[in-house]
N, C-alpha and C. Protein backbone atom coordinates (compact mmCIF):
# COMPACT_ATOMS: atom_id res chain seq x y z
N MET A 1 0.94 14.82 -1.98
CA MET A 1 -0.07 14.37 -1.04
C MET A 1 -0.02 12.85 -0.85
N LYS A 2 0.30 12.13 -1.93
CA LYS A 2 0.37 10.67 -1.84
C LYS A 2 1.40 10.25 -0.79
N GLU A 3 2.58 10.87 -0.82
CA GLU A 3 3.63 10.55 0.16
C GLU A 3 3.19 10.93 1.58
N LYS A 4 2.47 12.03 1.69
CA LYS A 4 1.98 12.48 2.99
C LYS A 4 0.97 11.48 3.56
N ILE A 5 0.09 10.99 2.71
CA ILE A 5 -0.88 9.97 3.14
C ILE A 5 -0.14 8.72 3.62
N MET A 6 0.86 8.31 2.86
CA MET A 6 1.62 7.11 3.23
C MET A 6 2.34 7.33 4.56
N LYS A 7 2.98 8.45 4.71
CA LYS A 7 3.75 8.75 5.93
C LYS A 7 2.84 8.72 7.16
N HIS A 8 1.70 9.39 7.08
CA HIS A 8 0.77 9.42 8.21
C HIS A 8 0.16 8.04 8.46
N SER A 9 -0.10 7.31 7.40
CA SER A 9 -0.69 5.98 7.54
C SER A 9 0.29 5.01 8.20
N ILE A 10 1.56 5.12 7.88
CA ILE A 10 2.56 4.26 8.51
C ILE A 10 2.52 4.46 10.02
N ARG A 11 2.50 5.69 10.47
CA ARG A 11 2.45 5.96 11.91
C ARG A 11 1.16 5.43 12.53
N LEU A 12 0.07 5.63 11.82
CA LEU A 12 -1.23 5.17 12.31
C LEU A 12 -1.29 3.64 12.36
N PHE A 13 -0.81 2.98 11.31
CA PHE A 13 -0.81 1.51 11.28
C PHE A 13 0.10 0.95 12.37
N GLU A 14 1.19 1.66 12.63
CA GLU A 14 2.10 1.20 13.68
C GLU A 14 1.44 1.30 15.05
N SER A 15 0.76 2.38 15.31
CA SER A 15 0.17 2.56 16.64
C SER A 15 -1.14 1.79 16.83
N LYS A 16 -2.00 1.76 15.83
CA LYS A 16 -3.31 1.12 15.97
C LYS A 16 -3.36 -0.27 15.36
N GLY A 17 -2.46 -0.54 14.42
CA GLY A 17 -2.56 -1.76 13.64
C GLY A 17 -3.36 -1.49 12.38
N PHE A 18 -3.06 -2.22 11.33
CA PHE A 18 -3.74 -2.01 10.05
C PHE A 18 -5.24 -2.23 10.18
N SER A 19 -5.65 -3.30 10.84
CA SER A 19 -7.08 -3.64 10.94
C SER A 19 -7.87 -2.58 11.70
N GLU A 20 -7.28 -2.02 12.73
CA GLU A 20 -7.99 -1.05 13.57
C GLU A 20 -8.01 0.36 13.00
N ALA A 21 -7.05 0.68 12.16
CA ALA A 21 -6.99 2.02 11.56
C ALA A 21 -7.95 2.08 10.37
N SER A 22 -8.78 3.07 10.37
CA SER A 22 -9.74 3.22 9.27
C SER A 22 -9.27 4.30 8.31
N ILE A 23 -9.88 4.31 7.15
CA ILE A 23 -9.60 5.38 6.20
C ILE A 23 -9.99 6.72 6.82
N GLN A 24 -11.08 6.72 7.58
CA GLN A 24 -11.49 7.96 8.26
C GLN A 24 -10.41 8.43 9.23
N ASP A 25 -9.79 7.49 9.95
CA ASP A 25 -8.67 7.86 10.84
C ASP A 25 -7.54 8.50 10.05
N ILE A 26 -7.25 7.94 8.90
CA ILE A 26 -6.16 8.45 8.07
C ILE A 26 -6.46 9.88 7.62
N VAL A 27 -7.63 10.08 7.07
CA VAL A 27 -7.95 11.42 6.56
C VAL A 27 -8.10 12.44 7.70
N ASN A 28 -8.57 11.97 8.85
CA ASN A 28 -8.68 12.88 10.00
C ASN A 28 -7.30 13.39 10.43
N THR A 29 -6.29 12.53 10.43
CA THR A 29 -4.95 12.97 10.84
C THR A 29 -4.37 13.97 9.85
N LEU A 30 -4.84 13.91 8.62
CA LEU A 30 -4.33 14.82 7.59
C LEU A 30 -5.20 16.06 7.40
N GLY A 31 -6.43 15.98 7.89
CA GLY A 31 -7.35 17.10 7.69
C GLY A 31 -7.82 17.20 6.25
N VAL A 32 -7.99 16.04 5.60
CA VAL A 32 -8.48 16.02 4.21
C VAL A 32 -9.73 15.14 4.15
N THR A 33 -10.31 15.07 2.98
CA THR A 33 -11.53 14.27 2.80
C THR A 33 -11.19 12.86 2.31
N LYS A 34 -12.16 11.99 2.41
CA LYS A 34 -11.98 10.64 1.88
C LYS A 34 -11.75 10.69 0.36
N GLY A 35 -12.33 11.68 -0.28
CA GLY A 35 -12.11 11.84 -1.72
C GLY A 35 -10.64 12.02 -2.05
N THR A 36 -9.94 12.75 -1.21
CA THR A 36 -8.50 12.93 -1.39
C THR A 36 -7.79 11.59 -1.29
N PHE A 37 -8.16 10.80 -0.26
CA PHE A 37 -7.56 9.48 -0.10
C PHE A 37 -7.81 8.65 -1.36
N TYR A 38 -9.05 8.59 -1.80
CA TYR A 38 -9.41 7.73 -2.93
C TYR A 38 -8.86 8.23 -4.26
N TYR A 39 -8.44 9.47 -4.31
CA TYR A 39 -7.78 9.97 -5.52
C TYR A 39 -6.43 9.25 -5.70
N TYR A 40 -5.77 8.95 -4.58
CA TYR A 40 -4.44 8.34 -4.64
C TYR A 40 -4.45 6.83 -4.44
N PHE A 41 -5.41 6.31 -3.70
CA PHE A 41 -5.46 4.88 -3.39
C PHE A 41 -6.89 4.39 -3.53
N SER A 42 -7.05 3.22 -4.12
CA SER A 42 -8.39 2.67 -4.28
C SER A 42 -8.90 2.01 -3.01
N SER A 43 -7.98 1.66 -2.09
CA SER A 43 -8.37 0.99 -0.85
C SER A 43 -7.23 1.10 0.16
N LYS A 44 -7.56 0.73 1.37
CA LYS A 44 -6.55 0.69 2.43
C LYS A 44 -5.52 -0.40 2.11
N GLU A 45 -5.97 -1.50 1.50
CA GLU A 45 -5.04 -2.56 1.11
C GLU A 45 -4.05 -2.08 0.05
N GLU A 46 -4.52 -1.28 -0.89
CA GLU A 46 -3.60 -0.74 -1.90
C GLU A 46 -2.56 0.16 -1.24
N LEU A 47 -2.99 0.95 -0.27
CA LEU A 47 -2.07 1.81 0.48
C LEU A 47 -1.03 0.95 1.20
N LEU A 48 -1.46 -0.09 1.88
CA LEU A 48 -0.53 -0.98 2.59
C LEU A 48 0.42 -1.66 1.61
N THR A 49 -0.09 -2.06 0.47
CA THR A 49 0.75 -2.67 -0.55
C THR A 49 1.85 -1.71 -0.98
N GLN A 50 1.50 -0.45 -1.19
CA GLN A 50 2.49 0.55 -1.60
C GLN A 50 3.54 0.76 -0.52
N ILE A 51 3.12 0.77 0.74
CA ILE A 51 4.06 0.90 1.85
C ILE A 51 5.02 -0.30 1.85
N GLN A 52 4.48 -1.49 1.68
CA GLN A 52 5.30 -2.71 1.64
C GLN A 52 6.28 -2.66 0.47
N LEU A 53 5.79 -2.29 -0.70
CA LEU A 53 6.66 -2.25 -1.89
C LEU A 53 7.76 -1.20 -1.74
N ASN A 54 7.44 -0.05 -1.18
CA ASN A 54 8.47 0.97 -0.97
C ASN A 54 9.59 0.44 -0.09
N TYR A 55 9.23 -0.28 0.96
CA TYR A 55 10.23 -0.81 1.88
C TYR A 55 11.08 -1.88 1.21
N ILE A 56 10.45 -2.87 0.59
CA ILE A 56 11.23 -3.96 0.00
C ILE A 56 12.03 -3.48 -1.21
N ASP A 57 11.50 -2.54 -1.97
CA ASP A 57 12.27 -2.01 -3.11
C ASP A 57 13.52 -1.28 -2.61
N TYR A 58 13.38 -0.51 -1.55
CA TYR A 58 14.53 0.16 -0.95
C TYR A 58 15.56 -0.89 -0.51
N MET A 59 15.10 -1.92 0.17
CA MET A 59 16.01 -2.96 0.67
C MET A 59 16.73 -3.66 -0.49
N LEU A 60 16.00 -3.98 -1.53
CA LEU A 60 16.62 -4.66 -2.68
C LEU A 60 17.64 -3.75 -3.38
N GLU A 61 17.34 -2.47 -3.50
CA GLU A 61 18.29 -1.54 -4.12
C GLU A 61 19.57 -1.44 -3.31
N GLU A 62 19.43 -1.31 -2.00
CA GLU A 62 20.60 -1.22 -1.12
C GLU A 62 21.40 -2.52 -1.15
N GLN A 63 20.70 -3.63 -1.13
CA GLN A 63 21.37 -4.93 -1.18
C GLN A 63 22.14 -5.08 -2.50
N GLN A 64 21.52 -4.70 -3.59
CA GLN A 64 22.17 -4.80 -4.90
C GLN A 64 23.41 -3.92 -4.97
N ARG A 65 23.32 -2.74 -4.40
CA ARG A 65 24.47 -1.83 -4.36
C ARG A 65 25.64 -2.51 -3.64
N ILE A 66 25.36 -3.18 -2.56
CA ILE A 66 26.40 -3.88 -1.79
C ILE A 66 26.96 -5.04 -2.61
N ILE A 67 26.11 -5.83 -3.19
CA ILE A 67 26.53 -7.01 -3.95
C ILE A 67 27.42 -6.62 -5.13
N GLU A 68 27.12 -5.50 -5.76
CA GLU A 68 27.85 -5.10 -6.97
C GLU A 68 29.20 -4.46 -6.69
N GLN A 69 29.59 -4.31 -5.45
CA GLN A 69 30.89 -3.72 -5.13
C GLN A 69 31.99 -4.73 -5.51
N PRO A 70 32.76 -4.43 -6.54
CA PRO A 70 33.72 -5.42 -7.04
C PRO A 70 34.93 -5.64 -6.14
N ASP A 71 35.25 -4.68 -5.32
CA ASP A 71 36.46 -4.78 -4.50
C ASP A 71 36.21 -5.35 -3.11
N ARG A 72 35.03 -5.87 -2.86
CA ARG A 72 34.67 -6.37 -1.54
C ARG A 72 34.66 -7.90 -1.54
N THR A 73 35.07 -8.48 -0.43
CA THR A 73 35.01 -9.94 -0.28
C THR A 73 33.57 -10.35 -0.01
N TRP A 74 33.29 -11.65 -0.11
CA TRP A 74 31.94 -12.14 0.19
C TRP A 74 31.64 -11.94 1.68
N LYS A 75 32.66 -12.07 2.50
CA LYS A 75 32.51 -11.82 3.94
C LYS A 75 32.10 -10.36 4.16
N ASP A 76 32.78 -9.43 3.49
CA ASP A 76 32.45 -8.01 3.62
C ASP A 76 31.02 -7.75 3.15
N LYS A 77 30.65 -8.35 2.03
CA LYS A 77 29.31 -8.12 1.48
C LYS A 77 28.24 -8.65 2.42
N LEU A 78 28.47 -9.84 2.98
CA LEU A 78 27.49 -10.39 3.92
C LEU A 78 27.40 -9.50 5.16
N SER A 79 28.52 -9.05 5.66
CA SER A 79 28.55 -8.16 6.81
C SER A 79 27.80 -6.86 6.52
N GLU A 80 27.99 -6.31 5.35
CA GLU A 80 27.32 -5.06 4.97
C GLU A 80 25.82 -5.25 4.80
N VAL A 81 25.40 -6.40 4.28
CA VAL A 81 23.96 -6.66 4.14
C VAL A 81 23.33 -6.79 5.53
N ILE A 82 24.02 -7.46 6.45
CA ILE A 82 23.51 -7.58 7.82
C ILE A 82 23.36 -6.19 8.43
N LEU A 83 24.39 -5.35 8.32
CA LEU A 83 24.33 -4.00 8.86
C LEU A 83 23.22 -3.19 8.19
N MET A 84 23.13 -3.27 6.89
CA MET A 84 22.10 -2.52 6.17
C MET A 84 20.70 -2.94 6.61
N THR A 85 20.49 -4.22 6.83
CA THR A 85 19.18 -4.71 7.25
C THR A 85 18.81 -4.16 8.63
N ILE A 86 19.76 -4.14 9.53
CA ILE A 86 19.50 -3.61 10.87
C ILE A 86 19.37 -2.09 10.83
N GLN A 87 20.18 -1.43 10.03
CA GLN A 87 20.06 0.03 9.91
C GLN A 87 18.72 0.42 9.32
N ALA A 88 18.20 -0.37 8.40
CA ALA A 88 16.89 -0.06 7.82
C ALA A 88 15.80 -0.14 8.89
N ILE A 89 15.97 -1.08 9.82
CA ILE A 89 15.01 -1.18 10.92
C ILE A 89 15.11 0.06 11.80
N GLU A 90 16.33 0.58 11.97
CA GLU A 90 16.50 1.80 12.77
C GLU A 90 16.00 3.02 11.99
N ASP A 91 16.48 3.17 10.76
CA ASP A 91 16.17 4.36 9.97
C ASP A 91 14.72 4.42 9.51
N ARG A 92 14.15 3.28 9.25
CA ARG A 92 12.79 3.19 8.73
C ARG A 92 11.93 2.34 9.66
N GLY A 93 12.11 2.56 10.95
CA GLY A 93 11.50 1.71 11.98
C GLY A 93 10.03 1.42 11.79
N SER A 94 9.23 2.46 11.60
CA SER A 94 7.80 2.26 11.45
C SER A 94 7.49 1.46 10.19
N SER A 95 8.14 1.80 9.09
CA SER A 95 7.94 1.06 7.85
C SER A 95 8.36 -0.39 8.01
N ALA A 96 9.47 -0.61 8.72
CA ALA A 96 9.94 -1.98 8.95
C ALA A 96 8.91 -2.77 9.75
N ARG A 97 8.40 -2.18 10.80
CA ARG A 97 7.41 -2.88 11.62
C ARG A 97 6.16 -3.19 10.81
N ILE A 98 5.72 -2.26 9.99
CA ILE A 98 4.56 -2.49 9.13
C ILE A 98 4.88 -3.61 8.14
N PHE A 99 6.07 -3.57 7.59
CA PHE A 99 6.49 -4.57 6.60
C PHE A 99 6.42 -5.98 7.19
N PHE A 100 6.92 -6.15 8.39
CA PHE A 100 6.96 -7.48 8.99
C PHE A 100 5.63 -7.89 9.63
N ARG A 101 4.89 -6.94 10.14
CA ARG A 101 3.67 -7.26 10.89
C ARG A 101 2.42 -7.40 10.04
N GLU A 102 2.32 -6.63 8.99
CA GLU A 102 1.02 -6.45 8.33
C GLU A 102 0.86 -7.16 6.98
N LEU A 103 1.80 -7.99 6.60
CA LEU A 103 1.71 -8.67 5.31
C LEU A 103 0.43 -9.50 5.20
N LEU A 104 -0.05 -10.03 6.30
CA LEU A 104 -1.22 -10.90 6.28
C LEU A 104 -2.48 -10.19 5.78
N HIS A 105 -2.43 -8.87 5.65
CA HIS A 105 -3.59 -8.11 5.19
C HIS A 105 -3.56 -7.84 3.68
N ILE A 106 -2.57 -8.39 3.02
CA ILE A 106 -2.45 -8.19 1.57
C ILE A 106 -2.81 -9.49 0.87
N THR A 107 -3.50 -9.38 -0.24
CA THR A 107 -4.00 -10.57 -0.94
C THR A 107 -3.69 -10.49 -2.44
N GLY A 108 -3.95 -11.60 -3.11
CA GLY A 108 -3.92 -11.65 -4.57
C GLY A 108 -2.57 -11.35 -5.19
N ASP A 109 -2.62 -10.65 -6.33
CA ASP A 109 -1.40 -10.34 -7.08
C ASP A 109 -0.43 -9.48 -6.27
N SER A 110 -0.97 -8.59 -5.44
CA SER A 110 -0.10 -7.74 -4.61
C SER A 110 0.71 -8.59 -3.65
N LEU A 111 0.07 -9.58 -3.04
CA LEU A 111 0.77 -10.47 -2.12
C LEU A 111 1.84 -11.26 -2.87
N ASP A 112 1.49 -11.75 -4.04
CA ASP A 112 2.46 -12.51 -4.85
C ASP A 112 3.68 -11.66 -5.19
N LEU A 113 3.46 -10.42 -5.55
CA LEU A 113 4.56 -9.52 -5.91
C LEU A 113 5.47 -9.26 -4.71
N ILE A 114 4.88 -8.98 -3.57
CA ILE A 114 5.69 -8.70 -2.37
C ILE A 114 6.46 -9.95 -1.96
N LYS A 115 5.81 -11.10 -1.99
CA LYS A 115 6.50 -12.35 -1.63
C LYS A 115 7.65 -12.63 -2.60
N LYS A 116 7.44 -12.35 -3.88
CA LYS A 116 8.50 -12.55 -4.87
C LYS A 116 9.71 -11.67 -4.54
N LYS A 117 9.46 -10.43 -4.17
CA LYS A 117 10.55 -9.52 -3.83
C LYS A 117 11.23 -9.93 -2.52
N ARG A 118 10.47 -10.37 -1.55
CA ARG A 118 11.05 -10.87 -0.30
C ARG A 118 11.93 -12.09 -0.58
N ASP A 119 11.41 -12.97 -1.43
CA ASP A 119 12.19 -14.15 -1.80
C ASP A 119 13.49 -13.75 -2.50
N GLN A 120 13.42 -12.74 -3.35
CA GLN A 120 14.62 -12.28 -4.05
C GLN A 120 15.66 -11.77 -3.06
N PHE A 121 15.22 -11.05 -2.05
CA PHE A 121 16.14 -10.56 -1.03
C PHE A 121 16.85 -11.74 -0.35
N ARG A 122 16.07 -12.75 0.01
CA ARG A 122 16.65 -13.94 0.64
C ARG A 122 17.57 -14.67 -0.30
N LEU A 123 17.17 -14.82 -1.55
CA LEU A 123 18.01 -15.52 -2.53
C LEU A 123 19.32 -14.77 -2.77
N ASN A 124 19.29 -13.46 -2.70
CA ASN A 124 20.52 -12.68 -2.83
C ASN A 124 21.47 -12.96 -1.67
N VAL A 125 20.92 -13.05 -0.46
CA VAL A 125 21.75 -13.39 0.71
C VAL A 125 22.31 -14.80 0.53
N GLN A 126 21.45 -15.70 0.09
CA GLN A 126 21.89 -17.08 -0.14
C GLN A 126 23.00 -17.13 -1.19
N SER A 127 22.89 -16.33 -2.22
CA SER A 127 23.91 -16.28 -3.27
C SER A 127 25.24 -15.78 -2.73
N ILE A 128 25.20 -14.77 -1.86
CA ILE A 128 26.44 -14.29 -1.24
C ILE A 128 27.10 -15.43 -0.48
N ILE A 129 26.30 -16.16 0.27
CA ILE A 129 26.83 -17.28 1.06
C ILE A 129 27.39 -18.36 0.14
N GLU A 130 26.66 -18.71 -0.90
CA GLU A 130 27.12 -19.75 -1.83
C GLU A 130 28.42 -19.33 -2.52
N GLN A 131 28.50 -18.08 -2.92
CA GLN A 131 29.72 -17.62 -3.58
C GLN A 131 30.89 -17.56 -2.59
N GLY A 132 30.59 -17.21 -1.34
CA GLY A 132 31.63 -17.26 -0.32
C GLY A 132 32.10 -18.69 -0.07
N MET A 133 31.19 -19.63 -0.16
CA MET A 133 31.56 -21.05 -0.01
C MET A 133 32.42 -21.50 -1.19
N GLU A 134 32.02 -21.12 -2.39
CA GLU A 134 32.77 -21.50 -3.59
C GLU A 134 34.17 -20.89 -3.61
N SER A 135 34.31 -19.68 -3.09
CA SER A 135 35.61 -19.01 -3.09
C SER A 135 36.51 -19.48 -1.94
N GLY A 136 35.95 -20.24 -1.01
CA GLY A 136 36.72 -20.72 0.13
C GLY A 136 36.69 -19.77 1.32
N GLU A 137 35.94 -18.68 1.24
CA GLU A 137 35.84 -17.76 2.38
C GLU A 137 34.98 -18.35 3.50
N PHE A 138 33.99 -19.15 3.14
CA PHE A 138 33.08 -19.75 4.12
C PHE A 138 33.19 -21.27 4.01
N ARG A 139 32.95 -21.92 5.11
CA ARG A 139 32.91 -23.37 5.06
C ARG A 139 31.72 -23.80 4.21
N ASP A 140 31.85 -24.96 3.60
CA ASP A 140 30.82 -25.38 2.64
C ASP A 140 30.03 -26.61 3.09
N ASP A 141 30.07 -26.92 4.37
CA ASP A 141 29.36 -28.09 4.85
C ASP A 141 28.00 -27.76 5.47
N LEU A 142 27.58 -26.51 5.36
CA LEU A 142 26.27 -26.09 5.85
C LEU A 142 25.39 -25.74 4.65
N PRO A 143 24.10 -26.03 4.72
CA PRO A 143 23.21 -25.65 3.62
C PRO A 143 23.06 -24.12 3.55
N ALA A 144 23.45 -23.55 2.44
CA ALA A 144 23.41 -22.09 2.27
C ALA A 144 22.01 -21.54 2.49
N GLU A 145 21.01 -22.27 2.06
CA GLU A 145 19.63 -21.81 2.22
C GLU A 145 19.27 -21.65 3.71
N MET A 146 19.66 -22.63 4.52
CA MET A 146 19.35 -22.56 5.95
C MET A 146 20.14 -21.43 6.62
N VAL A 147 21.37 -21.24 6.20
CA VAL A 147 22.18 -20.15 6.76
C VAL A 147 21.53 -18.80 6.42
N ALA A 148 21.08 -18.65 5.17
CA ALA A 148 20.42 -17.41 4.76
C ALA A 148 19.15 -17.16 5.58
N PHE A 149 18.34 -18.20 5.75
CA PHE A 149 17.12 -18.05 6.56
C PHE A 149 17.47 -17.67 8.00
N SER A 150 18.53 -18.26 8.54
CA SER A 150 18.95 -17.96 9.92
C SER A 150 19.38 -16.51 10.06
N ILE A 151 20.20 -16.06 9.14
CA ILE A 151 20.67 -14.68 9.19
C ILE A 151 19.51 -13.70 9.08
N LEU A 152 18.64 -13.93 8.11
CA LEU A 152 17.51 -13.02 7.93
C LEU A 152 16.52 -13.10 9.08
N GLY A 153 16.34 -14.28 9.62
CA GLY A 153 15.45 -14.41 10.78
C GLY A 153 15.96 -13.58 11.95
N ALA A 154 17.27 -13.68 12.22
CA ALA A 154 17.85 -12.91 13.32
C ALA A 154 17.76 -11.41 13.04
N CYS A 155 18.14 -11.00 11.84
CA CYS A 155 18.11 -9.56 11.51
C CYS A 155 16.69 -9.02 11.50
N ASN A 156 15.79 -9.72 10.85
CA ASN A 156 14.42 -9.22 10.72
C ASN A 156 13.68 -9.17 12.04
N TRP A 157 14.01 -10.05 12.95
CA TRP A 157 13.33 -10.06 14.24
C TRP A 157 13.74 -8.85 15.09
N CYS A 158 14.82 -8.19 14.71
CA CYS A 158 15.28 -7.00 15.45
C CYS A 158 14.18 -5.94 15.56
N TYR A 159 13.28 -5.92 14.62
CA TYR A 159 12.25 -4.88 14.66
C TYR A 159 11.43 -4.96 15.95
N THR A 160 11.41 -6.14 16.60
CA THR A 160 10.61 -6.29 17.82
C THR A 160 11.33 -5.80 19.07
N TRP A 161 12.67 -5.73 19.03
CA TRP A 161 13.38 -5.38 20.25
C TRP A 161 14.43 -4.29 20.10
N PHE A 162 14.92 -4.06 18.89
CA PHE A 162 16.00 -3.09 18.72
C PHE A 162 15.50 -1.67 18.97
N LYS A 163 16.22 -0.95 19.81
CA LYS A 163 15.91 0.45 20.11
C LYS A 163 17.12 1.29 19.75
N PRO A 164 16.99 2.22 18.81
CA PRO A 164 18.13 3.05 18.41
C PRO A 164 18.81 3.76 19.58
N ASP A 165 18.06 4.09 20.62
CA ASP A 165 18.65 4.76 21.77
C ASP A 165 18.95 3.78 22.91
N GLY A 166 18.96 2.48 22.59
CA GLY A 166 19.23 1.45 23.59
C GLY A 166 20.71 1.29 23.89
N SER A 167 21.04 0.22 24.58
CA SER A 167 22.42 0.01 25.03
C SER A 167 23.38 -0.34 23.90
N LYS A 168 22.86 -0.83 22.78
CA LYS A 168 23.70 -1.19 21.62
C LYS A 168 23.23 -0.42 20.39
N SER A 169 24.18 0.11 19.64
CA SER A 169 23.84 0.81 18.39
C SER A 169 23.57 -0.21 17.30
N ASP A 170 23.06 0.26 16.18
CA ASP A 170 22.84 -0.64 15.04
C ASP A 170 24.14 -1.28 14.59
N THR A 171 25.22 -0.51 14.61
CA THR A 171 26.53 -1.03 14.20
C THR A 171 27.01 -2.11 15.15
N GLU A 172 26.78 -1.91 16.44
CA GLU A 172 27.20 -2.92 17.43
C GLU A 172 26.37 -4.20 17.30
N VAL A 173 25.07 -4.06 17.11
CA VAL A 173 24.22 -5.24 16.91
C VAL A 173 24.64 -5.99 15.66
N ALA A 174 24.87 -5.26 14.58
CA ALA A 174 25.30 -5.88 13.32
C ALA A 174 26.65 -6.57 13.50
N ALA A 175 27.55 -5.97 14.26
CA ALA A 175 28.87 -6.57 14.49
C ALA A 175 28.74 -7.88 15.26
N VAL A 176 27.86 -7.91 16.25
CA VAL A 176 27.64 -9.15 17.01
C VAL A 176 27.06 -10.23 16.08
N TYR A 177 26.05 -9.86 15.31
CA TYR A 177 25.44 -10.83 14.37
C TYR A 177 26.47 -11.32 13.36
N THR A 178 27.23 -10.39 12.80
CA THR A 178 28.23 -10.77 11.80
C THR A 178 29.25 -11.72 12.40
N GLU A 179 29.74 -11.39 13.56
CA GLU A 179 30.72 -12.25 14.24
C GLU A 179 30.12 -13.63 14.50
N MET A 180 28.92 -13.65 15.00
CA MET A 180 28.25 -14.90 15.32
C MET A 180 28.06 -15.77 14.07
N PHE A 181 27.58 -15.16 13.01
CA PHE A 181 27.34 -15.95 11.79
C PHE A 181 28.62 -16.29 11.05
N LEU A 182 29.55 -15.36 10.97
CA LEU A 182 30.76 -15.65 10.22
C LEU A 182 31.66 -16.64 10.93
N ASN A 183 31.68 -16.63 12.23
CA ASN A 183 32.47 -17.64 12.92
C ASN A 183 31.88 -19.03 12.69
N GLY A 184 30.61 -19.09 12.48
CA GLY A 184 29.97 -20.37 12.16
C GLY A 184 30.21 -20.78 10.72
N LEU A 185 30.61 -19.84 9.87
CA LEU A 185 30.82 -20.11 8.45
C LEU A 185 32.29 -20.24 8.07
N LYS A 186 33.17 -19.63 8.83
CA LYS A 186 34.56 -19.60 8.37
C LYS A 186 35.23 -20.96 8.55
N LEU A 187 36.28 -21.15 7.80
CA LEU A 187 37.02 -22.42 7.83
C LEU A 187 37.76 -22.62 9.12
């Protein structure tokens, strides 16, 4: 039931927004009582926090899987992270939109935890870039931190315009981004 509440809430938050969606709206879509909701979540903020954590934990696991591939170049790893980030927006579109749009509704320790995980994702991208610079795959005259922010800004903003059934597939969008960024990084 917990997963069902989360799944229905993601759709509701996407269509109405977190602020406009009430717990009553959530339970009405499921045909359950508020007691059922409160059995699994102490508040709507806790529910949103769990949705956020599920998304960023998935992203970090996928990113780590890519980073740990020993037979891949830094260029390949960066390209795969770009593709994975865009594919997550396609595959987990509603969760992605909630992740990027609704963070402002989370406070306290939950906010700190999510920000720490988001920072780790960025630092992992930055590390790929730095290691590519050290190995000579990427030029080293650009600040790796700014390059990482640029890549993630471009990829993350896709949630506002990328349409899986649009003129470009996730793979094509990722290929354009990879080409654009890697040509700016290569020697």
